[in-house]
Amino acid sequence: MKLKTTIIALAIAILPGFALAQATPAAPATPATPLGGTAATPATPATPSDKAGARIDQRQANQQKRIDAGVKSGELNQKEAARLQKGQDRIQKKEDKARADGKIDKKEARQIENMQDRQSKVIAREKHDKQKAK
């Protein structure tokens, strides 16, 4: 009975070492936003043949900067910023799903860019409304 328990304990102690030996390198930490969330980052870097992906990534970064600048300047209150961040996260999730097969096709790019168009209008509307951060 003791031998069986010892073997199980030894196996449990050794197994994590095998798992770590085959794990892929950790991804770098995503930068924090003023809201305490994380900035949207692409799942995989865009390749030169993936022009749509690169364009989408750049636009996501620009929209994130607009949200961050709105929070910093007081044009966006925390509730507005959280809502906008949720929209950014939704677009990022759609992009990650589209990129899962290795490339964003034209239909997927068009859908994501339409989502980004709507999000851009919402960002502009929220930044220029009468609500300000307290």
N, C-alpha and C. Protein backbone atom coordinates (compact mmCIF):
# COMPACT_ATOMS: atom_id res chain seq x y z
N MET A 1 0.83 -1.19 0.00
CA MET A 1 0.00 0.00 0.00
C MET A 1 0.86 1.25 0.00
N LYS A 2 1.93 1.25 0.85
CA LYS A 2 2.81 2.41 0.88
C LYS A 2 3.54 2.59 -0.43
N LEU A 3 3.93 1.49 -1.06
CA LEU A 3 4.64 1.54 -2.33
C LEU A 3 3.77 2.17 -3.41
N LYS A 4 2.51 1.79 -3.44
CA LYS A 4 1.58 2.34 -4.42
C LYS A 4 1.41 3.85 -4.22
N THR A 5 1.26 4.31 -3.00
CA THR A 5 1.12 5.72 -2.68
C THR A 5 2.39 6.48 -3.07
N THR A 6 3.55 5.90 -2.81
CA THR A 6 4.82 6.54 -3.13
C THR A 6 4.97 6.69 -4.64
N ILE A 7 4.62 5.67 -5.38
CA ILE A 7 4.72 5.72 -6.84
C ILE A 7 3.78 6.78 -7.41
N ILE A 8 2.57 6.86 -6.91
CA ILE A 8 1.61 7.86 -7.38
C ILE A 8 2.13 9.26 -7.06
N ALA A 9 2.64 9.47 -5.86
CA ALA A 9 3.17 10.78 -5.47
C ALA A 9 4.36 11.16 -6.34
N LEU A 10 5.23 10.20 -6.63
CA LEU A 10 6.39 10.45 -7.49
C LEU A 10 5.95 10.81 -8.90
N ALA A 11 4.97 10.09 -9.42
CA ALA A 11 4.45 10.38 -10.77
C ALA A 11 3.85 11.78 -10.84
N ILE A 12 3.11 12.15 -9.83
CA ILE A 12 2.51 13.49 -9.79
C ILE A 12 3.58 14.56 -9.73
N ALA A 13 4.66 14.31 -9.02
CA ALA A 13 5.74 15.29 -8.90
C ALA A 13 6.52 15.42 -10.19
N ILE A 14 6.67 14.35 -10.96
CA ILE A 14 7.49 14.36 -12.18
C ILE A 14 6.71 14.85 -13.40
N LEU A 15 5.43 14.57 -13.52
CA LEU A 15 4.64 14.89 -14.70
C LEU A 15 4.67 16.37 -15.09
N PRO A 16 4.57 17.32 -14.19
CA PRO A 16 4.63 18.72 -14.61
C PRO A 16 5.93 19.08 -15.32
N GLY A 17 7.03 18.43 -14.95
CA GLY A 17 8.31 18.68 -15.61
C GLY A 17 8.26 18.27 -17.07
N PHE A 18 7.61 17.16 -17.37
CA PHE A 18 7.48 16.72 -18.76
C PHE A 18 6.60 17.67 -19.55
N ALA A 19 5.56 18.14 -18.94
CA ALA A 19 4.65 19.07 -19.62
C ALA A 19 5.36 20.39 -19.93
N LEU A 20 6.16 20.88 -19.01
CA LEU A 20 6.88 22.13 -19.23
C LEU A 20 7.94 21.98 -20.31
N ALA A 21 8.52 20.81 -20.42
CA ALA A 21 9.57 20.59 -21.42
C ALA A 21 9.02 20.71 -22.83
N GLN A 22 7.73 20.45 -23.02
CA GLN A 22 7.13 20.50 -24.35
C GLN A 22 6.26 21.72 -24.56
N ALA A 23 6.15 22.58 -23.58
CA ALA A 23 5.30 23.76 -23.71
C ALA A 23 5.95 24.77 -24.65
N THR A 24 5.13 25.53 -25.33
CA THR A 24 5.65 26.58 -26.21
C THR A 24 6.05 27.77 -25.37
N PRO A 25 6.92 28.63 -25.88
CA PRO A 25 7.33 29.80 -25.10
C PRO A 25 6.13 30.69 -24.79
N ALA A 26 6.18 31.31 -23.65
CA ALA A 26 5.09 32.18 -23.22
C ALA A 26 5.03 33.42 -24.09
N ALA A 27 3.82 33.87 -24.38
CA ALA A 27 3.63 35.10 -25.15
C ALA A 27 3.94 36.28 -24.26
N PRO A 28 4.41 37.39 -24.82
CA PRO A 28 4.68 38.55 -23.99
C PRO A 28 3.38 39.10 -23.41
N ALA A 29 3.49 39.70 -22.26
CA ALA A 29 2.31 40.26 -21.59
C ALA A 29 1.72 41.37 -22.43
N THR A 30 0.39 41.46 -22.45
CA THR A 30 -0.26 42.53 -23.19
C THR A 30 -0.24 43.79 -22.35
N PRO A 31 -0.06 44.94 -23.00
CA PRO A 31 0.01 46.17 -22.23
C PRO A 31 -1.32 46.52 -21.58
N ALA A 32 -1.24 47.09 -20.41
CA ALA A 32 -2.45 47.47 -19.69
C ALA A 32 -2.98 48.79 -20.21
N THR A 33 -4.28 48.94 -20.20
CA THR A 33 -4.92 50.19 -20.59
C THR A 33 -5.23 50.97 -19.32
N PRO A 34 -5.56 52.25 -19.44
CA PRO A 34 -5.89 53.03 -18.25
C PRO A 34 -7.07 52.46 -17.47
N LEU A 35 -7.87 51.62 -18.11
CA LEU A 35 -9.03 51.04 -17.43
C LEU A 35 -8.66 49.82 -16.62
N GLY A 36 -7.42 49.37 -16.76
CA GLY A 36 -7.01 48.17 -16.06
C GLY A 36 -7.18 46.93 -16.91
N GLY A 37 -7.76 47.05 -18.11
CA GLY A 37 -7.89 45.92 -19.02
C GLY A 37 -6.61 45.77 -19.81
N THR A 38 -6.68 45.03 -20.89
CA THR A 38 -5.50 44.88 -21.73
C THR A 38 -5.81 45.42 -23.11
N ALA A 39 -4.78 45.95 -23.74
CA ALA A 39 -4.94 46.45 -25.09
C ALA A 39 -5.11 45.27 -26.03
N ALA A 40 -5.88 45.46 -27.08
CA ALA A 40 -6.10 44.39 -28.03
C ALA A 40 -4.81 44.14 -28.81
N THR A 41 -4.40 42.89 -28.86
CA THR A 41 -3.22 42.52 -29.62
C THR A 41 -3.58 41.34 -30.50
N PRO A 42 -2.97 41.24 -31.66
CA PRO A 42 -3.31 40.15 -32.55
C PRO A 42 -2.83 38.82 -32.01
N ALA A 43 -3.53 37.75 -32.38
CA ALA A 43 -3.16 36.42 -31.94
C ALA A 43 -1.84 36.00 -32.57
N THR A 44 -1.66 36.33 -33.85
CA THR A 44 -0.41 36.03 -34.53
C THR A 44 0.00 37.25 -35.33
N PRO A 45 1.29 37.46 -35.52
CA PRO A 45 1.71 38.63 -36.28
C PRO A 45 1.27 38.51 -37.73
N ALA A 46 0.96 39.63 -38.33
CA ALA A 46 0.52 39.65 -39.72
C ALA A 46 1.71 39.43 -40.65
N THR A 47 1.50 38.64 -41.68
CA THR A 47 2.54 38.41 -42.67
C THR A 47 2.33 39.38 -43.83
N PRO A 48 3.36 39.61 -44.65
CA PRO A 48 3.18 40.53 -45.78
C PRO A 48 2.03 40.14 -46.70
N SER A 49 1.76 38.83 -46.82
CA SER A 49 0.66 38.40 -47.68
C SER A 49 -0.69 38.62 -47.01
N ASP A 50 -0.67 38.96 -45.75
CA ASP A 50 -1.90 39.17 -44.98
C ASP A 50 -2.14 40.67 -44.80
N LYS A 51 -2.32 41.37 -45.91
CA LYS A 51 -2.49 42.83 -45.85
C LYS A 51 -3.74 43.23 -45.08
N ALA A 52 -4.80 42.48 -45.25
CA ALA A 52 -6.04 42.79 -44.53
C ALA A 52 -5.82 42.67 -43.03
N GLY A 53 -5.10 41.65 -42.62
CA GLY A 53 -4.82 41.45 -41.20
C GLY A 53 -4.00 42.58 -40.62
N ALA A 54 -3.00 43.03 -41.38
CA ALA A 54 -2.16 44.14 -40.92
C ALA A 54 -2.96 45.43 -40.81
N ARG A 55 -3.84 45.65 -41.79
CA ARG A 55 -4.69 46.85 -41.77
C ARG A 55 -5.64 46.82 -40.58
N ILE A 56 -6.20 45.66 -40.31
CA ILE A 56 -7.12 45.50 -39.19
C ILE A 56 -6.38 45.73 -37.87
N ASP A 57 -5.20 45.13 -37.75
CA ASP A 57 -4.40 45.29 -36.52
C ASP A 57 -4.07 46.76 -36.26
N GLN A 58 -3.67 47.48 -37.31
CA GLN A 58 -3.31 48.89 -37.16
C GLN A 58 -4.53 49.71 -36.73
N ARG A 59 -5.65 49.40 -37.32
CA ARG A 59 -6.85 50.15 -36.98
C ARG A 59 -7.30 49.87 -35.54
N GLN A 60 -7.16 48.62 -35.12
CA GLN A 60 -7.49 48.27 -33.73
C GLN A 60 -6.60 49.08 -32.78
N ALA A 61 -5.31 49.14 -33.10
CA ALA A 61 -4.38 49.90 -32.25
C ALA A 61 -4.76 51.38 -32.21
N ASN A 62 -5.11 51.94 -33.36
CA ASN A 62 -5.50 53.35 -33.41
C ASN A 62 -6.77 53.61 -32.60
N GLN A 63 -7.74 52.73 -32.71
CA GLN A 63 -8.97 52.92 -31.96
C GLN A 63 -8.72 52.78 -30.46
N GLN A 64 -7.83 51.87 -30.09
CA GLN A 64 -7.49 51.72 -28.67
C GLN A 64 -6.83 53.00 -28.15
N LYS A 65 -5.97 53.59 -28.96
CA LYS A 65 -5.32 54.85 -28.57
C LYS A 65 -6.35 55.96 -28.39
N ARG A 66 -7.35 55.99 -29.27
CA ARG A 66 -8.40 57.00 -29.15
C ARG A 66 -9.18 56.85 -27.85
N ILE A 67 -9.47 55.62 -27.49
CA ILE A 67 -10.18 55.37 -26.22
C ILE A 67 -9.31 55.80 -25.05
N ASP A 68 -8.05 55.38 -25.07
CA ASP A 68 -7.12 55.73 -23.98
C ASP A 68 -6.96 57.24 -23.86
N ALA A 69 -6.86 57.92 -25.00
CA ALA A 69 -6.72 59.38 -24.98
C ALA A 69 -7.98 60.04 -24.43
N GLY A 70 -9.14 59.50 -24.75
CA GLY A 70 -10.40 60.03 -24.23
C GLY A 70 -10.50 59.89 -22.73
N VAL A 71 -10.01 58.79 -22.20
CA VAL A 71 -10.02 58.59 -20.75
C VAL A 71 -9.07 59.58 -20.10
N LYS A 72 -7.88 59.70 -20.67
CA LYS A 72 -6.85 60.58 -20.11
C LYS A 72 -7.29 62.04 -20.11
N SER A 73 -7.95 62.47 -21.20
CA SER A 73 -8.37 63.86 -21.31
C SER A 73 -9.66 64.16 -20.56
N GLY A 74 -10.37 63.12 -20.14
CA GLY A 74 -11.63 63.32 -19.44
C GLY A 74 -12.83 63.38 -20.36
N GLU A 75 -12.63 63.19 -21.67
CA GLU A 75 -13.74 63.20 -22.61
C GLU A 75 -14.62 61.96 -22.44
N LEU A 76 -14.04 60.88 -21.93
CA LEU A 76 -14.79 59.65 -21.68
C LEU A 76 -14.81 59.37 -20.18
N ASN A 77 -16.00 59.05 -19.66
CA ASN A 77 -16.05 58.62 -18.27
C ASN A 77 -15.78 57.12 -18.22
N GLN A 78 -15.67 56.55 -17.05
CA GLN A 78 -15.29 55.15 -16.91
C GLN A 78 -16.33 54.21 -17.53
N LYS A 79 -17.60 54.55 -17.40
CA LYS A 79 -18.66 53.70 -17.94
C LYS A 79 -18.59 53.68 -19.48
N GLU A 80 -18.41 54.85 -20.08
CA GLU A 80 -18.29 54.92 -21.53
C GLU A 80 -17.05 54.15 -22.01
N ALA A 81 -15.94 54.36 -21.31
CA ALA A 81 -14.70 53.70 -21.69
C ALA A 81 -14.83 52.19 -21.58
N ALA A 82 -15.49 51.72 -20.54
CA ALA A 82 -15.67 50.27 -20.37
C ALA A 82 -16.53 49.70 -21.50
N ARG A 83 -17.56 50.45 -21.89
CA ARG A 83 -18.43 50.01 -22.99
C ARG A 83 -17.65 49.96 -24.30
N LEU A 84 -16.83 50.98 -24.54
CA LEU A 84 -16.02 51.00 -25.76
C LEU A 84 -14.99 49.88 -25.75
N GLN A 85 -14.41 49.61 -24.60
CA GLN A 85 -13.42 48.53 -24.49
C GLN A 85 -14.08 47.19 -24.79
N LYS A 86 -15.31 47.03 -24.34
CA LYS A 86 -16.05 45.80 -24.62
C LYS A 86 -16.25 45.62 -26.13
N GLY A 87 -16.53 46.72 -26.81
CA GLY A 87 -16.66 46.68 -28.27
C GLY A 87 -15.34 46.30 -28.94
N GLN A 88 -14.24 46.87 -28.45
CA GLN A 88 -12.92 46.53 -28.98
C GLN A 88 -12.62 45.05 -28.77
N ASP A 89 -12.96 44.56 -27.59
CA ASP A 89 -12.72 43.14 -27.29
C ASP A 89 -13.55 42.24 -28.20
N ARG A 90 -14.78 42.66 -28.51
CA ARG A 90 -15.65 41.88 -29.38
C ARG A 90 -15.04 41.79 -30.80
N ILE A 91 -14.49 42.92 -31.27
CA ILE A 91 -13.85 42.94 -32.59
C ILE A 91 -12.61 42.05 -32.57
N GLN A 92 -11.83 42.13 -31.50
CA GLN A 92 -10.62 41.32 -31.39
C GLN A 92 -10.96 39.83 -31.39
N LYS A 93 -12.03 39.47 -30.71
CA LYS A 93 -12.46 38.07 -30.67
C LYS A 93 -12.83 37.59 -32.08
N LYS A 94 -13.53 38.44 -32.82
CA LYS A 94 -13.91 38.11 -34.20
C LYS A 94 -12.65 37.95 -35.06
N GLU A 95 -11.67 38.85 -34.86
CA GLU A 95 -10.42 38.76 -35.63
C GLU A 95 -9.67 37.48 -35.28
N ASP A 96 -9.57 37.16 -34.01
CA ASP A 96 -8.87 35.95 -33.59
C ASP A 96 -9.52 34.71 -34.19
N LYS A 97 -10.86 34.69 -34.23
CA LYS A 97 -11.58 33.56 -34.80
C LYS A 97 -11.32 33.47 -36.30
N ALA A 98 -11.30 34.62 -36.98
CA ALA A 98 -11.04 34.63 -38.42
C ALA A 98 -9.62 34.19 -38.72
N ARG A 99 -8.70 34.53 -37.85
CA ARG A 99 -7.28 34.23 -38.05
C ARG A 99 -6.93 32.80 -37.65
N ALA A 100 -7.86 32.08 -37.06
CA ALA A 100 -7.59 30.74 -36.56
C ALA A 100 -7.12 29.78 -37.65
N ASP A 101 -7.59 29.98 -38.88
CA ASP A 101 -7.17 29.10 -39.97
C ASP A 101 -5.89 29.58 -40.65
N GLY A 102 -5.27 30.62 -40.10
CA GLY A 102 -3.99 31.08 -40.63
C GLY A 102 -4.06 32.34 -41.46
N LYS A 103 -5.21 32.68 -42.01
CA LYS A 103 -5.32 33.86 -42.86
C LYS A 103 -6.75 34.41 -42.80
N ILE A 104 -6.85 35.70 -42.86
CA ILE A 104 -8.17 36.34 -42.88
C ILE A 104 -8.58 36.48 -44.33
N ASP A 105 -9.69 35.85 -44.72
CA ASP A 105 -10.13 35.96 -46.11
C ASP A 105 -10.90 37.27 -46.32
N LYS A 106 -11.26 37.55 -47.56
CA LYS A 106 -11.89 38.83 -47.90
C LYS A 106 -13.22 39.04 -47.18
N LYS A 107 -14.02 37.99 -47.08
CA LYS A 107 -15.33 38.11 -46.42
C LYS A 107 -15.15 38.43 -44.94
N GLU A 108 -14.22 37.72 -44.30
CA GLU A 108 -13.96 37.96 -42.88
C GLU A 108 -13.41 39.37 -42.66
N ALA A 109 -12.50 39.79 -43.54
CA ALA A 109 -11.93 41.14 -43.42
C ALA A 109 -13.01 42.20 -43.56
N ARG A 110 -13.92 42.00 -44.50
CA ARG A 110 -15.01 42.96 -44.72
C ARG A 110 -15.90 43.04 -43.48
N GLN A 111 -16.20 41.89 -42.87
CA GLN A 111 -17.03 41.88 -41.66
C GLN A 111 -16.34 42.60 -40.51
N ILE A 112 -15.06 42.32 -40.33
CA ILE A 112 -14.31 42.95 -39.24
C ILE A 112 -14.18 44.45 -39.48
N GLU A 113 -13.91 44.83 -40.72
CA GLU A 113 -13.78 46.26 -41.02
C GLU A 113 -15.11 46.99 -40.84
N ASN A 114 -16.23 46.34 -41.13
CA ASN A 114 -17.54 46.94 -40.88
C ASN A 114 -17.76 47.12 -39.39
N MET A 115 -17.34 46.13 -38.59
CA MET A 115 -17.44 46.26 -37.14
C MET A 115 -16.58 47.43 -36.66
N GLN A 116 -15.39 47.56 -37.23
CA GLN A 116 -14.49 48.66 -36.85
C GLN A 116 -15.07 50.01 -37.25
N ASP A 117 -15.75 50.08 -38.41
CA ASP A 117 -16.39 51.33 -38.83
C ASP A 117 -17.44 51.76 -37.80
N ARG A 118 -18.28 50.80 -37.40
CA ARG A 118 -19.32 51.12 -36.42
C ARG A 118 -18.70 51.54 -35.09
N GLN A 119 -17.65 50.82 -34.66
CA GLN A 119 -16.98 51.13 -33.40
C GLN A 119 -16.35 52.53 -33.46
N SER A 120 -15.78 52.89 -34.60
CA SER A 120 -15.16 54.20 -34.75
C SER A 120 -16.19 55.32 -34.56
N LYS A 121 -17.38 55.11 -35.13
CA LYS A 121 -18.45 56.10 -34.98
C LYS A 121 -18.90 56.21 -33.53
N VAL A 122 -18.97 55.08 -32.85
CA VAL A 122 -19.37 55.08 -31.44
C VAL A 122 -18.32 55.81 -30.60
N ILE A 123 -17.04 55.56 -30.89
CA ILE A 123 -15.96 56.23 -30.15
C ILE A 123 -16.09 57.74 -30.33
N ALA A 124 -16.26 58.19 -31.58
CA ALA A 124 -16.38 59.62 -31.85
C ALA A 124 -17.59 60.21 -31.13
N ARG A 125 -18.72 59.50 -31.19
CA ARG A 125 -19.95 60.01 -30.55
C ARG A 125 -19.77 60.12 -29.04
N GLU A 126 -19.18 59.10 -28.44
CA GLU A 126 -18.98 59.12 -26.99
C GLU A 126 -17.98 60.17 -26.55
N LYS A 127 -16.93 60.37 -27.34
CA LYS A 127 -15.91 61.36 -26.96
C LYS A 127 -16.45 62.80 -27.04
N HIS A 128 -17.41 63.02 -27.92
CA HIS A 128 -17.89 64.39 -28.14
C HIS A 128 -19.28 64.65 -27.58
N ASP A 129 -19.75 63.75 -26.73
CA ASP A 129 -21.02 64.03 -26.08
C ASP A 129 -20.81 64.91 -24.86
N LYS A 130 -21.88 65.23 -24.16
CA LYS A 130 -21.77 66.15 -23.02
C LYS A 130 -21.30 65.49 -21.75
N GLN A 131 -21.25 64.17 -21.74
CA GLN A 131 -20.79 63.47 -20.53
C GLN A 131 -19.27 63.58 -20.44
N LYS A 132 -18.80 63.92 -19.27
CA LYS A 132 -17.36 64.04 -19.02
C LYS A 132 -17.02 63.22 -17.78
N ALA A 133 -15.76 62.86 -17.67
CA ALA A 133 -15.30 62.14 -16.49
C ALA A 133 -15.31 63.08 -15.30
N LYS A 134 -15.63 62.57 -14.13
CA LYS A 134 -15.69 63.41 -12.94
C LYS A 134 -14.38 63.38 -12.22
